[in-house]
PDB file of N, CA and C in Angstrom:
ATOM      1  N   MET A   1     -53.056  49.739 129.932  1.00  0.00           N
ATOM      2  CA  MET A   1     -53.151  51.167 129.009  1.00  0.00           C
ATOM      3  C   MET A   1     -52.242  52.053 128.638  1.00  0.00           C
ATOM      4  N   ALA A   2     -52.424  52.362 127.816  1.00  0.00           N
ATOM      5  CA  ALA A   2     -50.612  53.456 127.245  1.00  0.00           C
ATOM      6  C   ALA A   2     -51.897  54.208 125.720  1.00  0.00           C
ATOM      7  N   VAL A   3     -50.648  55.972 126.681  1.00  0.00           N
ATOM      8  CA  VAL A   3     -51.165  57.179 126.057  1.00  0.00           C
ATOM      9  C   VAL A   3     -49.971  57.965 124.429  1.00  0.00           C
ATOM     10  N   LEU A   4     -50.598  57.556 123.543  1.00  0.00           N
ATOM     11  CA  LEU A   4     -49.126  58.168 122.786  1.00  0.00           C
ATOM     12  C   LEU A   4     -49.269  59.734 122.431  1.00  0.00           C
ATOM     13  N   GLY A   5     -48.096  60.225 122.551  1.00  0.00           N
ATOM     14  CA  GLY A   5     -47.975  61.469 122.034  1.00  0.00           C
ATOM     15  C   GLY A   5     -48.303  61.806 120.332  1.00  0.00           C
ATOM     16  N   SER A   6     -48.959  60.410 119.891  1.00  0.00           N
ATOM     17  CA  SER A   6     -47.837  60.814 117.953  1.00  0.00           C
ATOM     18  C   SER A   6     -49.872  60.008 118.233  1.00  0.00           C
ATOM     19  N   GLY A   7     -49.881  59.578 115.853  1.00  0.00           N
ATOM     20  CA  GLY A   7     -50.441  59.305 115.856  1.00  0.00           C
ATOM     21  C   GLY A   7     -50.198  57.739 116.253  1.00  0.00           C
ATOM     22  N   PHE A   8     -51.637  57.209 115.476  1.00  0.00           N
ATOM     23  CA  PHE A   8     -51.265  55.810 116.007  1.00  0.00           C
ATOM     24  C   PHE A   8     -50.601  55.054 114.932  1.00  0.00           C
ATOM     25  N   ASP A   9     -49.393  55.937 113.647  1.00  0.00           N
ATOM     26  CA  ASP A   9     -49.282  55.283 112.767  1.00  0.00           C
ATOM     27  C   ASP A   9     -47.395  55.006 112.634  1.00  0.00           C
ATOM     28  N   HIS A  10     -47.918  56.173 114.038  1.00  0.00           N
ATOM     29  CA  HIS A  10     -45.901  56.309 114.547  1.00  0.00           C
ATOM     30  C   HIS A  10     -46.476  56.044 116.159  1.00  0.00           C
ATOM     31  N   ILE A  11     -46.147  54.782 116.203  1.00  0.00           N
ATOM     32  CA  ILE A  11     -45.282  54.043 117.660  1.00  0.00           C
ATOM     33  C   ILE A  11     -43.957  54.767 117.953  1.00  0.00           C
ATOM     34  N   TYR A  12     -43.578  55.779 119.155  1.00  0.00           N
ATOM     35  CA  TYR A  12     -43.471  55.781 119.519  1.00  0.00           C
ATOM     36  C   TYR A  12     -42.573  56.456 120.957  1.00  0.00           C
ATOM     37  N   PRO A  13     -41.530  54.948 121.449  1.00  0.00           N
ATOM     38  CA  PRO A  13     -39.711  55.023 120.110  1.00  0.00           C
ATOM     39  C   PRO A  13     -40.498  53.832 119.287  1.00  0.00           C
ATOM     40  N   ALA A  14     -39.990  53.952 118.605  1.00  0.00           N
ATOM     41  CA  ALA A  14     -40.749  53.033 118.314  1.00  0.00           C
ATOM     42  C   ALA A  14     -40.315  50.861 118.742  1.00  0.00           C
ATOM     43  N   GLU A  15     -39.192  50.543 119.376  1.00  0.00           N
ATOM     44  CA  GLU A  15     -39.102  49.824 120.522  1.00  0.00           C
ATOM     45  C   GLU A  15     -40.407  49.783 120.799  1.00  0.00           C
ATOM     46  N   HIS A  16     -41.335  50.207 121.199  1.00  0.00           N
ATOM     47  CA  HIS A  16     -43.008  50.344 121.882  1.00  0.00           C
ATOM     48  C   HIS A  16     -43.708  49.907 121.087  1.00  0.00           C
ATOM     49  N   LYS A  17     -43.250  48.882 120.501  1.00  0.00           N
ATOM     50  CA  LYS A  17     -43.882  48.739 118.933  1.00  0.00           C
ATOM     51  C   LYS A  17     -44.885  47.314 120.037  1.00  0.00           C
ATOM     52  N   ASN A  18     -44.400  46.846 119.968  1.00  0.00           N
ATOM     53  CA  ASN A  18     -44.271  45.639 121.391  1.00  0.00           C
ATOM     54  C   ASN A  18     -44.859  45.546 121.902  1.00  0.00           C
ATOM     55  N   TYR A  19     -44.586  46.409 122.570  1.00  0.00           N
ATOM     56  CA  TYR A  19     -44.853  47.230 123.640  1.00  0.00           C
ATOM     57  C   TYR A  19     -47.077  47.049 123.699  1.00  0.00           C
ATOM     58  N   CYS A  20     -46.936  48.382 122.453  1.00  0.00           N
ATOM     59  CA  CYS A  20     -48.895  47.921 122.204  1.00  0.00           C
ATOM     60  C   CYS A  20     -48.888  47.222 121.873  1.00  0.00           C
ATOM     61  N   LYS A  21     -48.558  46.039 121.349  1.00  0.00           N
ATOM     62  CA  LYS A  21     -49.403  44.561 121.060  1.00  0.00           C
ATOM     63  C   LYS A  21     -48.933  43.433 122.202  1.00  0.00           C
ATOM     64  N   LYS A  22     -48.508  43.818 123.048  1.00  0.00           N
ATOM     65  CA  LYS A  22     -49.095  43.081 123.265  1.00  0.00           C
ATOM     66  C   LYS A  22     -50.377  43.659 124.688  1.00  0.00           C
ATOM     67  N   ILE A  23     -50.207  44.929 125.229  1.00  0.00           N
ATOM     68  CA  ILE A  23     -51.004  46.062 125.675  1.00  0.00           C
ATOM     69  C   ILE A  23     -52.514  45.568 124.679  1.00  0.00           C
ATOM     70  N   LEU A  24     -52.240  45.585 123.323  1.00  0.00           N
ATOM     71  CA  LEU A  24     -53.741  44.486 123.454  1.00  0.00           C
ATOM     72  C   LEU A  24     -54.328  43.495 122.836  1.00  0.00           C
ATOM     73  N   GLN A  25     -52.822  42.437 123.095  1.00  0.00           N
ATOM     74  CA  GLN A  25     -53.393  41.313 123.134  1.00  0.00           C
ATOM     75  C   GLN A  25     -54.301  40.952 124.314  1.00  0.00           C
ATOM     76  N   THR A  26     -53.509  41.651 125.303  1.00  0.00           N
ATOM     77  CA  THR A  26     -53.961  41.730 126.908  1.00  0.00           C
ATOM     78  C   THR A  26     -55.498  42.366 127.247  1.00  0.00           C
ATOM     79  N   GLY A  27     -55.941  42.590 126.508  1.00  0.00           N
ATOM     80  CA  GLY A  27     -57.574  43.852 126.819  1.00  0.00           C
ATOM     81  C   GLY A  27     -57.467  45.065 126.901  1.00  0.00           C
ATOM     82  N   GLY A  28     -56.182  45.290 126.929  1.00  0.00           N
ATOM     83  CA  GLY A  28     -55.291  46.400 126.753  1.00  0.00           C
ATOM     84  C   GLY A  28     -55.864  47.805 125.698  1.00  0.00           C
ATOM     85  N   ALA A  29     -55.947  48.515 125.754  1.00  0.00           N
ATOM     86  CA  ALA A  29     -56.048  50.377 124.949  1.00  0.00           C
ATOM     87  C   ALA A  29     -54.825  50.966 124.857  1.00  0.00           C
ATOM     88  N   ILE A  30     -54.929  51.569 124.018  1.00  0.00           N
ATOM     89  CA  ILE A  30     -54.283  52.648 123.441  1.00  0.00           C
ATOM     90  C   ILE A  30     -53.842  52.974 123.358  1.00  0.00           C
ATOM     91  N   ILE A  31     -54.489  55.265 123.305  1.00  0.00           N
ATOM     92  CA  ILE A  31     -55.150  55.919 122.885  1.00  0.00           C
ATOM     93  C   ILE A  31     -54.911  56.897 122.087  1.00  0.00           C
ATOM     94  N   THR A  32     -54.530  57.881 121.962  1.00  0.00           N
ATOM     95  CA  THR A  32     -54.148  59.227 120.863  1.00  0.00           C
ATOM     96  C   THR A  32     -55.183  60.003 121.034  1.00  0.00           C
ATOM     97  N   GLU A  33     -55.244  61.302 121.268  1.00  0.00           N
ATOM     98  CA  GLU A  33     -56.205  62.210 120.843  1.00  0.00           C
ATOM     99  C   GLU A  33     -55.521  63.188 119.128  1.00  0.00           C
ATOM    100  N   TYR A  34     -54.874  62.057 118.692  1.00  0.00           N
ATOM    101  CA  TYR A  34     -53.517  62.720 117.067  1.00  0.00           C
ATOM    102  C   TYR A  34     -54.225  61.558 116.804  1.00  0.00           C
ATOM    103  N   GLU A  35     -54.543  62.777 114.821  1.00  0.00           N
ATOM    104  CA  GLU A  35     -54.382  61.914 113.750  1.00  0.00           C
ATOM    105  C   GLU A  35     -53.368  60.796 113.580  1.00  0.00           C
ATOM    106  N   PRO A  36     -54.208  59.420 112.761  1.00  0.00           N
ATOM    107  CA  PRO A  36     -53.818  58.678 112.714  1.00  0.00           C
ATOM    108  C   PRO A  36     -52.070  59.189 112.185  1.00  0.00           C
ATOM    109  N   LYS A  37     -51.743  60.086 111.154  1.00  0.00           N
ATOM    110  CA  LYS A  37     -50.415  60.167 110.796  1.00  0.00           C
ATOM    111  C   LYS A  37     -49.253  61.301 111.452  1.00  0.00           C
ATOM    112  N   THR A  38     -50.287  62.131 112.470  1.00  0.00           N
ATOM    113  CA  THR A  38     -49.824  62.946 113.668  1.00  0.00           C
ATOM    114  C   THR A  38     -47.577  61.720 113.836  1.00  0.00           C
ATOM    115  N   LYS A  39     -47.209  62.938 113.949  1.00  0.00           N
ATOM    116  CA  LYS A  39     -45.977  62.480 113.724  1.00  0.00           C
ATOM    117  C   LYS A  39     -45.819  62.717 115.771  1.00  0.00           C
ATOM    118  N   PRO A  40     -43.979  62.070 115.687  1.00  0.00           N
ATOM    119  CA  PRO A  40     -44.756  62.448 117.554  1.00  0.00           C
ATOM    120  C   PRO A  40     -43.295  63.610 118.120  1.00  0.00           C
ATOM    121  N   LEU A  41     -44.303  64.591 118.084  1.00  0.00           N
ATOM    122  CA  LEU A  41     -43.828  65.801 118.109  1.00  0.00           C
ATOM    123  C   LEU A  41     -43.205  66.674 119.478  1.00  0.00           C
ATOM    124  N   LYS A  42     -42.694  67.002 120.079  1.00  0.00           N
ATOM    125  CA  LYS A  42     -42.106  67.020 121.424  1.00  0.00           C
ATOM    126  C   LYS A  42     -43.094  68.287 121.875  1.00  0.00           C
ATOM    127  N   LEU A  43     -43.603  68.875 121.460  1.00  0.00           N
ATOM    128  CA  LEU A  43     -44.935  69.808 121.896  1.00  0.00           C
ATOM    129  C   LEU A  43     -46.171  68.784 121.902  1.00  0.00           C
ATOM    130  N   ASN A  44     -46.877  67.586 121.789  1.00  0.00           N
ATOM    131  CA  ASN A  44     -46.978  67.071 121.999  1.00  0.00           C
ATOM    132  C   ASN A  44     -47.429  65.796 123.356  1.00  0.00           C
ATOM    133  N   PHE A  45     -46.866  66.000 123.699  1.00  0.00           N
ATOM    134  CA  PHE A  45     -46.587  65.166 124.681  1.00  0.00           C
ATOM    135  C   PHE A  45     -46.603  66.079 126.365  1.00  0.00           C
ATOM    136  N   PRO A  46     -46.965  67.007 126.027  1.00  0.00           N
ATOM    137  CA  PRO A  46     -46.757  67.372 127.685  1.00  0.00           C
ATOM    138  C   PRO A  46     -48.454  67.251 127.378  1.00  0.00           C
ATOM    139  N   SER A  47     -49.489  67.164 126.388  1.00  0.00           N
ATOM    140  CA  SER A  47     -50.850  67.473 126.233  1.00  0.00           C
ATOM    141  C   SER A  47     -51.565  65.692 126.787  1.00  0.00           C
ATOM    142  N   ARG A  48     -50.174  64.964 126.066  1.00  0.00           N
ATOM    143  CA  ARG A  48     -50.588  63.915 126.634  1.00  0.00           C
ATOM    144  C   ARG A  48     -50.294  62.999 128.182  1.00  0.00           C
ATOM    145  N   ASN A  49     -49.517  64.266 128.545  1.00  0.00           N
ATOM    146  CA  ASN A  49     -49.562  64.081 130.095  1.00  0.00           C
ATOM    147  C   ASN A  49     -50.232  64.232 130.610  1.00  0.00           C
ATOM    148  N   ARG A  50     -51.346  65.381 130.198  1.00  0.00           N
ATOM    149  CA  ARG A  50     -52.154  65.845 130.497  1.00  0.00           C
ATOM    150  C   ARG A  50     -53.774  64.032 130.555  1.00  0.00           C
ATOM    151  N   ILE A  51     -53.508  63.744 129.268  1.00  0.00           N
ATOM    152  CA  ILE A  51     -54.315  62.337 129.584  1.00  0.00           C
ATOM    153  C   ILE A  51     -53.944  61.409 131.183  1.00  0.00           C
ATOM    154  N   ILE A  52     -52.718  61.189 130.520  1.00  0.00           N
ATOM    155  CA  ILE A  52     -52.279  60.325 131.450  1.00  0.00           C
ATOM    156  C   ILE A  52     -52.425  60.436 132.553  1.00  0.00           C
ATOM    157  N   SER A  53     -52.224  61.860 134.213  1.00  0.00           N
ATOM    158  CA  SER A  53     -52.481  62.554 135.307  1.00  0.00           C
ATOM    159  C   SER A  53     -54.238  61.919 135.023  1.00  0.00           C
ATOM    160  N   GLY A  54     -55.748  62.904 134.279  1.00  0.00           N
ATOM    161  CA  GLY A  54     -56.764  62.339 133.844  1.00  0.00           C
ATOM    162  C   GLY A  54     -57.123  61.119 134.379  1.00  0.00           C
ATOM    163  N   LEU A  55     -55.795  60.738 134.099  1.00  0.00           N
ATOM    164  CA  LEU A  55     -56.900  58.599 133.928  1.00  0.00           C
ATOM    165  C   LEU A  55     -56.458  58.310 134.722  1.00  0.00           C
ATOM    166  N   ALA A  56     -55.502  58.747 135.516  1.00  0.00           N
ATOM    167  CA  ALA A  56     -54.622  58.120 137.510  1.00  0.00           C
ATOM    168  C   ALA A  56     -55.791  58.536 138.484  1.00  0.00           C
ATOM    169  N   ASP A  57     -55.972  57.513 139.417  1.00  0.00           N
ATOM    170  CA  ASP A  57     -56.036  58.460 140.987  1.00  0.00           C
ATOM    171  C   ASP A  57     -55.040  58.779 141.423  1.00  0.00           C
ATOM    172  N   GLY A  58     -54.637  59.314 140.780  1.00  0.00           N
ATOM    173  CA  GLY A  58     -52.672  59.836 141.612  1.00  0.00           C
ATOM    174  C   GLY A  58     -52.106  59.655 140.986  1.00  0.00           C
ATOM    175  N   VAL A  59     -50.882  60.817 141.142  1.00  0.00           N
ATOM    176  CA  VAL A  59     -49.656  60.902 140.136  1.00  0.00           C
ATOM    177  C   VAL A  59     -48.404  60.463 141.054  1.00  0.00           C
ATOM    178  N   LEU A  60     -47.808  60.046 141.253  1.00  0.00           N
ATOM    179  CA  LEU A  60     -46.509  59.559 141.764  1.00  0.00           C
ATOM    180  C   LEU A  60     -44.857  59.786 140.859  1.00  0.00           C
ATOM    181  N   VAL A  61     -44.098  60.214 142.032  1.00  0.00           N
ATOM    182  CA  VAL A  61     -42.802  60.869 140.756  1.00  0.00           C
ATOM    183  C   VAL A  61     -41.422  60.799 142.114  1.00  0.00           C
ATOM    184  N   VAL A  62     -41.377  59.502 140.624  1.00  0.00           N
ATOM    185  CA  VAL A  62     -39.991  59.124 141.355  1.00  0.00           C
ATOM    186  C   VAL A  62     -39.068  59.823 140.932  1.00  0.00           C
ATOM    187  N   GLU A  63     -38.769  60.548 140.044  1.00  0.00           N
ATOM    188  CA  GLU A  63     -37.326  61.614 139.599  1.00  0.00           C
ATOM    189  C   GLU A  63     -38.560  62.478 138.685  1.00  0.00           C
ATOM    190  N   ALA A  64     -37.529  64.236 138.892  1.00  0.00           N
ATOM    191  CA  ALA A  64     -38.014  65.234 138.408  1.00  0.00           C
ATOM    192  C   ALA A  64     -36.576  65.752 138.003  1.00  0.00           C
ATOM    193  N   LYS A  65     -36.306  66.115 136.713  1.00  0.00           N
ATOM    194  CA  LYS A  65     -34.962  68.150 137.268  1.00  0.00           C
ATOM    195  C   LYS A  65     -36.093  68.739 137.259  1.00  0.00           C
ATOM    196  N   ALA A  66     -35.330  69.471 137.113  1.00  0.00           N
ATOM    197  CA  ALA A  66     -36.001  71.607 137.660  1.00  0.00           C
ATOM    198  C   ALA A  66     -36.930  71.144 136.439  1.00  0.00           C
ATOM    199  N   LYS A  67     -37.086  71.442 135.128  1.00  0.00           N
ATOM    200  CA  LYS A  67     -37.661  71.345 134.427  1.00  0.00           C
ATOM    201  C   LYS A  67     -37.623  70.358 133.303  1.00  0.00           C
ATOM    202  N   SER A  68     -39.610  69.522 133.071  1.00  0.00           N
ATOM    203  CA  SER A  68     -38.911  68.165 133.020  1.00  0.00           C
ATOM    204  C   SER A  68     -40.889  68.453 132.564  1.00  0.00           C
ATOM    205  N   GLY A  69     -41.048  67.467 132.060  1.00  0.00           N
ATOM    206  CA  GLY A  69     -42.111  66.364 131.514  1.00  0.00           C
ATOM    207  C   GLY A  69     -43.054  66.368 132.626  1.00  0.00           C
ATOM    208  N   THR A  70     -41.788  65.197 133.740  1.00  0.00           N
ATOM    209  CA  THR A  70     -43.020  64.826 134.691  1.00  0.00           C
ATOM    210  C   THR A  70     -43.638  65.949 136.084  1.00  0.00           C
ATOM    211  N   LEU A  71     -43.273  67.180 136.154  1.00  0.00           N
ATOM    212  CA  LEU A  71     -43.080  68.378 136.692  1.00  0.00           C
ATOM    213  C   LEU A  71     -45.132  68.584 135.881  1.00  0.00           C
ATOM    214  N   ILE A  72     -44.654  68.938 134.868  1.00  0.00           N
ATOM    215  CA  ILE A  72     -46.277  70.015 134.325  1.00  0.00           C
ATOM    216  C   ILE A  72     -46.889  68.171 134.187  1.00  0.00           C
ATOM    217  N   THR A  73     -46.331  66.780 133.674  1.00  0.00           N
ATOM    218  CA  THR A  73     -47.174  66.047 134.844  1.00  0.00           C
ATOM    219  C   THR A  73     -48.384  66.747 135.784  1.00  0.00           C
ATOM    220  N   VAL A  74     -47.752  67.179 137.630  1.00  0.00           N
ATOM    221  CA  VAL A  74     -48.154  67.262 138.555  1.00  0.00           C
ATOM    222  C   VAL A  74     -48.770  67.355 137.490  1.00  0.00           C
ATOM    223  N   ASP A  75     -48.597  69.120 137.329  1.00  0.00           N
ATOM    224  CA  ASP A  75     -49.419  70.323 136.910  1.00  0.00           C
ATOM    225  C   ASP A  75     -51.285  70.411 136.824  1.00  0.00           C
ATOM    226  N   TYR A  76     -50.749  69.257 135.600  1.00  0.00           N
ATOM    227  CA  TYR A  76     -51.930  68.690 135.534  1.00  0.00           C
ATOM    228  C   TYR A  76     -52.642  67.891 136.506  1.00  0.00           C
ATOM    229  N   ALA A  77     -51.725  67.028 137.179  1.00  0.00           N
ATOM    230  CA  ALA A  77     -52.740  66.629 138.356  1.00  0.00           C
ATOM    231  C   ALA A  77     -53.688  67.679 139.168  1.00  0.00           C
ATOM    232  N   LEU A  78     -51.902  68.447 139.382  1.00  0.00           N
ATOM    233  CA  LEU A  78     -53.029  69.004 140.961  1.00  0.00           C
ATOM    234  C   LEU A  78     -54.472  69.727 139.722  1.00  0.00           C
ATOM    235  N   ASP A  79     -54.125  70.527 138.879  1.00  0.00           N
ATOM    236  CA  ASP A  79     -55.181  70.780 138.177  1.00  0.00           C
ATOM    237  C   ASP A  79     -57.045  69.708 137.697  1.00  0.00           C
ATOM    238  N   GLN A  80     -56.450  68.815 137.989  1.00  0.00           N
ATOM    239  CA  GLN A  80     -57.530  68.012 137.769  1.00  0.00           C
ATOM    240  C   GLN A  80     -58.233  68.084 139.279  1.00  0.00           C
ATOM    241  N   GLY A  81     -56.817  68.088 141.143  1.00  0.00           N
ATOM    242  CA  GLY A  81     -57.858  67.617 141.667  1.00  0.00           C
ATOM    243  C   GLY A  81     -57.059  66.193 142.088  1.00  0.00           C
ATOM    244  N   LYS A  82     -56.265  66.171 141.256  1.00  0.00           N
ATOM    245  CA  LYS A  82     -54.985  64.463 142.151  1.00  0.00           C
ATOM    246  C   LYS A  82     -55.126  64.456 143.271  1.00  0.00           C
ATOM    247  N   ASP A  83     -54.194  62.901 143.647  1.00  0.00           N
ATOM    248  CA  ASP A  83     -53.412  63.310 144.551  1.00  0.00           C
ATOM    249  C   ASP A  83     -52.200  63.663 143.727  1.00  0.00           C
ATOM    250  N   VAL A  84     -50.634  64.296 144.752  1.00  0.00           N
ATOM    251  CA  VAL A  84     -49.533  63.827 144.543  1.00  0.00           C
ATOM    252  C   VAL A  84     -48.436  62.896 145.146  1.00  0.00           C
ATOM    253  N   PHE A  85     -47.820  62.440 145.135  1.00  0.00           N
ATOM    254  CA  PHE A  85     -46.921  61.612 145.630  1.00  0.00           C
ATOM    255  C   PHE A  85     -45.866  61.786 145.265  1.00  0.00           C
ATOM    256  N   VAL A  86     -44.685  61.308 146.086  1.00  0.00           N
ATOM    257  CA  VAL A  86     -43.373  61.963 145.789  1.00  0.00           C
ATOM    258  C   VAL A  86     -42.620  61.278 146.651  1.00  0.00           C
ATOM    259  N   ILE A  87     -40.855  60.375 146.148  1.00  0.00           N
ATOM    260  CA  ILE A  87     -39.989  59.061 146.850  1.00  0.00           C
ATOM    261  C   ILE A  87     -39.544  60.732 146.715  1.00  0.00           C
ATOM    262  N   PRO A  88     -38.630  60.733 148.466  1.00  0.00           N
ATOM    263  CA  PRO A  88     -37.921  62.531 148.057  1.00  0.00           C
ATOM    264  C   PRO A  88     -36.648  61.701 147.837  1.00  0.00           C
ATOM    265  N   GLY A  89     -35.758  62.712 147.026  1.00  0.00           N
ATOM    266  CA  GLY A  89     -35.118  61.669 146.450  1.00  0.00           C
ATOM    267  C   GLY A  89     -33.466  62.166 147.368  1.00  0.00           C
ATOM    268  N   ASN A  90     -31.646  62.330 145.963  1.00  0.00           N
ATOM    269  CA  ASN A  90     -30.730  62.463 146.886  1.00  0.00           C
ATOM    270  C   ASN A  90     -31.030  64.045 146.165  1.00  0.00           C
ATOM    271  N   ILE A  91     -30.019  64.982 147.811  1.00  0.00           N
ATOM    272  CA  ILE A  91     -30.518  66.038 146.944  1.00  0.00           C
ATOM    273  C   ILE A  91     -28.785  66.109 146.111  1.00  0.00           C
ATOM    274  N   THR A  92     -27.942  65.698 146.805  1.00  0.00           N
ATOM    275  CA  THR A  92     -26.626  65.958 145.144  1.00  0.00           C
ATOM    276  C   THR A  92     -26.777  65.665 143.475  1.00  0.00           C
ATOM    277  N   SER A  93     -28.347  65.346 143.801  1.00  0.00           N
ATOM    278  CA  SER A  93     -28.876  64.817 142.375  1.00  0.00           C
ATOM    279  C   SER A  93     -29.490  65.754 141.548  1.00  0.00           C
ATOM    280  N   ASP A  94     -29.204  65.982 141.070  1.00  0.00           N
ATOM    281  CA  ASP A  94     -30.298  67.462 139.152  1.00  0.00           C
ATOM    282  C   ASP A  94     -31.469  66.532 139.052  1.00  0.00           C
ATOM    283  N   ARG A  95     -31.234  65.324 139.266  1.00  0.00           N
ATOM    284  CA  ARG A  95     -32.616  64.133 138.870  1.00  0.00           C
ATOM    285  C   ARG A  95     -33.780  64.188 139.865  1.00  0.00           C
ATOM    286  N   SER A  96     -33.416  65.006 141.031  1.00  0.00           N
ATOM    287  CA  SER A  96     -34.021  64.655 142.137  1.00  0.00           C
ATOM    288  C   SER A  96     -34.271  66.986 142.777  1.00  0.00           C
ATOM    289  N   TYR A  97     -34.344  67.773 142.140  1.00  0.00           N
ATOM    290  CA  TYR A  97     -34.416  68.714 141.660  1.00  0.00           C
ATOM    291  C   TYR A  97     -35.848  69.110 141.974  1.00  0.00           C
ATOM    292  N   GLY A  98     -36.053  68.232 141.348  1.00  0.00           N
ATOM    293  CA  GLY A  98     -37.951  69.099 141.187  1.00  0.00           C
ATOM    294  C   GLY A  98     -39.045  68.370 141.744  1.00  0.00           C
ATOM    295  N   THR A  99     -38.434  66.564 141.745  1.00  0.00           N
ATOM    296  CA  THR A  99     -39.340  66.384 143.098  1.00  0.00           C
ATOM    297  C   THR A  99     -39.283  66.286 144.349  1.00  0.00           C
ATOM    298  N   ASN A 100     -37.846  66.912 145.359  1.00  0.00           N
ATOM    299  CA  ASN A 100     -38.235  67.339 146.453  1.00  0.00           C
ATOM    300  C   ASN A 100     -38.328  68.864 146.579  1.00  0.00           C
ATOM    301  N   ASP A 101     -38.536  69.793 145.373  1.00  0.00           N
ATOM    302  CA  ASP A 101     -39.210  70.751 145.344  1.00  0.00           C
ATOM    303  C   ASP A 101     -40.271  70.723 146.323  1.00  0.00           C
ATOM    304  N   LEU A 102     -40.967  69.717 144.571  1.00  0.00           N
ATOM    305  CA  LEU A 102     -42.847  68.893 145.440  1.00  0.00           C
ATOM    306  C   LEU A 102     -42.526  69.262 146.298  1.00  0.00           C
ATOM    307  N   LEU A 103     -42.429  68.344 147.071  1.00  0.00           N
ATOM    308  CA  LEU A 103     -42.158  68.211 148.926  1.00  0.00           C
ATOM    309  C   LEU A 103     -42.666  69.506 149.708  1.00  0.00           C
ATOM    310  N   LYS A 104     -40.924  70.540 148.717  1.00  0.00           N
ATOM    311  CA  LYS A 104     -41.300  71.465 149.841  1.00  0.00           C
ATOM    312  C   LYS A 104     -43.142  72.261 149.665  1.00  0.00           C
ATOM    313  N   GLN A 105     -43.421  72.103 148.565  1.00  0.00           N
ATOM    314  CA  GLN A 105     -44.764  73.377 148.054  1.00  0.00           C
ATOM    315  C   GLN A 105     -45.722  71.865 149.101  1.00  0.00           C
ATOM    316  N   GLY A 106     -45.113  70.835 149.416  1.00  0.00           N
ATOM    317  CA  GLY A 106     -46.628  70.396 149.541  1.00  0.00           C
ATOM    318  C   GLY A 106     -46.523  69.075 149.851  1.00  0.00           C
ATOM    319  N   ALA A 107     -46.349  68.284 149.076  1.00  0.00           N
ATOM    320  CA  ALA A 107     -47.577  67.414 147.590  1.00  0.00           C
ATOM    321  C   ALA A 107     -46.420  66.290 149.019  1.00  0.00           C
ATOM    322  N   LYS A 108     -47.646  65.135 148.406  1.00  0.00           N
ATOM    323  CA  LYS A 108     -46.771  64.208 149.693  1.00  0.00           C
ATOM    324  C   LYS A 108     -46.127  62.672 149.351  1.00  0.00           C
ATOM    325  N   LEU A 109     -45.100  62.802 150.414  1.00  0.00           N
ATOM    326  CA  LEU A 109     -44.254  61.772 151.053  1.00  0.00           C
ATOM    327  C   LEU A 109     -44.118  60.432 150.857  1.00  0.00           C
ATOM    328  N   VAL A 110     -43.910  59.735 149.868  1.00  0.00           N
ATOM    329  CA  VAL A 110     -43.923  58.608 150.347  1.00  0.00           C
ATOM    330  C   VAL A 110     -43.124  57.677 150.270  1.00  0.00           C
ATOM    331  N   THR A 111     -42.882  55.586 151.215  1.00  0.00           N
ATOM    332  CA  THR A 111     -41.179  55.795 151.170  1.00  0.00           C
ATOM    333  C   THR A 111     -42.632  54.451 150.377  1.00  0.00           C
ATOM    334  N   SER A 112     -43.365  53.482 150.711  1.00  0.00           N
ATOM    335  CA  SER A 112     -44.006  52.849 150.387  1.00  0.00           C
ATOM    336  C   SER A 112     -45.665  52.540 149.367  1.00  0.00           C
ATOM    337  N   VAL A 113     -45.220  51.288 149.492  1.00  0.00           N
ATOM    338  CA  VAL A 113     -46.792  51.067 148.523  1.00  0.00           C
ATOM    339  C   VAL A 113     -47.807  51.540 149.136  1.00  0.00           C
ATOM    340  N   GLU A 114     -47.795  50.753 150.647  1.00  0.00           N
ATOM    341  CA  GLU A 114     -48.777  50.859 151.145  1.00  0.00           C
ATOM    342  C   GLU A 114     -49.674  52.253 152.046  1.00  0.00           C
ATOM    343  N   GLU A 115     -48.051  53.250 152.388  1.00  0.00           N
ATOM    344  CA  GLU A 115     -48.489  54.806 152.392  1.00  0.00           C
ATOM    345  C   GLU A 115     -48.968  54.929 151.418  1.00  0.00           C
ATOM    346  N   ILE A 116     -49.432  54.597 149.986  1.00  0.00           N
ATOM    347  CA  ILE A 116     -50.012  55.213 149.029  1.00  0.00           C
ATOM    348  C   ILE A 116     -51.638  54.218 149.105  1.00  0.00           C
ATOM    349  N   VAL A 117     -51.679  53.591 149.031  1.00  0.00           N
ATOM    350  CA  VAL A 117     -52.631  52.802 149.306  1.00  0.00           C
ATOM    351  C   VAL A 117     -53.584  53.005 150.453  1.00  0.00           C
ATOM    352  N   GLU A 118     -52.967  53.420 151.289  1.00  0.00           N
ATOM    353  CA  GLU A 118     -53.288  54.273 153.201  1.00  0.00           C
ATOM    354  C   GLU A 118     -54.608  55.687 152.504  1.00  0.00           C
ATOM    355  N   GLU A 119     -53.259  56.357 151.997  1.00  0.00           N
ATOM    356  CA  GLU A 119     -53.870  58.185 151.861  1.00  0.00           C
ATOM    357  C   GLU A 119     -54.935  57.861 150.658  1.00  0.00           C
ATOM    358  N   MET A 120     -54.843  56.985 149.421  1.00  0.00           N
ATOM    359  CA  MET A 120     -55.748  56.824 148.674  1.00  0.00           C
ATOM    360  C   MET A 120     -57.412  56.003 149.748  1.00  0.00           C
ATOM    361  N   LEU A 121     -57.674  55.492 150.476  1.00  0.00           N
ATOM    362  CA  LEU A 121     -58.659  54.876 150.630  1.00  0.00           C
ATOM    363  C   LEU A 121     -59.649  55.572 151.312  1.00  0.00           C
ATOM    364  N   ARG A 122     -59.085  57.300 151.817  1.00  0.00           N
ATOM    365  CA  ARG A 122     -59.059  58.152 152.704  1.00  0.00           C
ATOM    366  C   ARG A 122     -59.994  58.804 152.416  1.00  0.00           C
TER     367      ARG A 122
END
């Protein structure tokens, strides 16, 4: 399944058109809340992330800068009562600031798929 931050007439980025075709050919779905001709505007993507987190059982964060779409998705997930799992990152990487901050705030630290599965089955 894929969730677009645009209308169906504007798959973004354009190189993802083939992914969309494969998803549909294998019985998957492409969804959007936007009119078909809606362009992929920056302000559309946080709203798209709300839908992604809503469809998910939980959210796994691998990397997140201090300000990122990932953190917007986490906020939606928390508002929706979803579990948030985080893989800790290198303390010297700017791409780990958000992930490590989430851990400080109480997100669930995981280092394997099995840990996620165990938590989700509880």
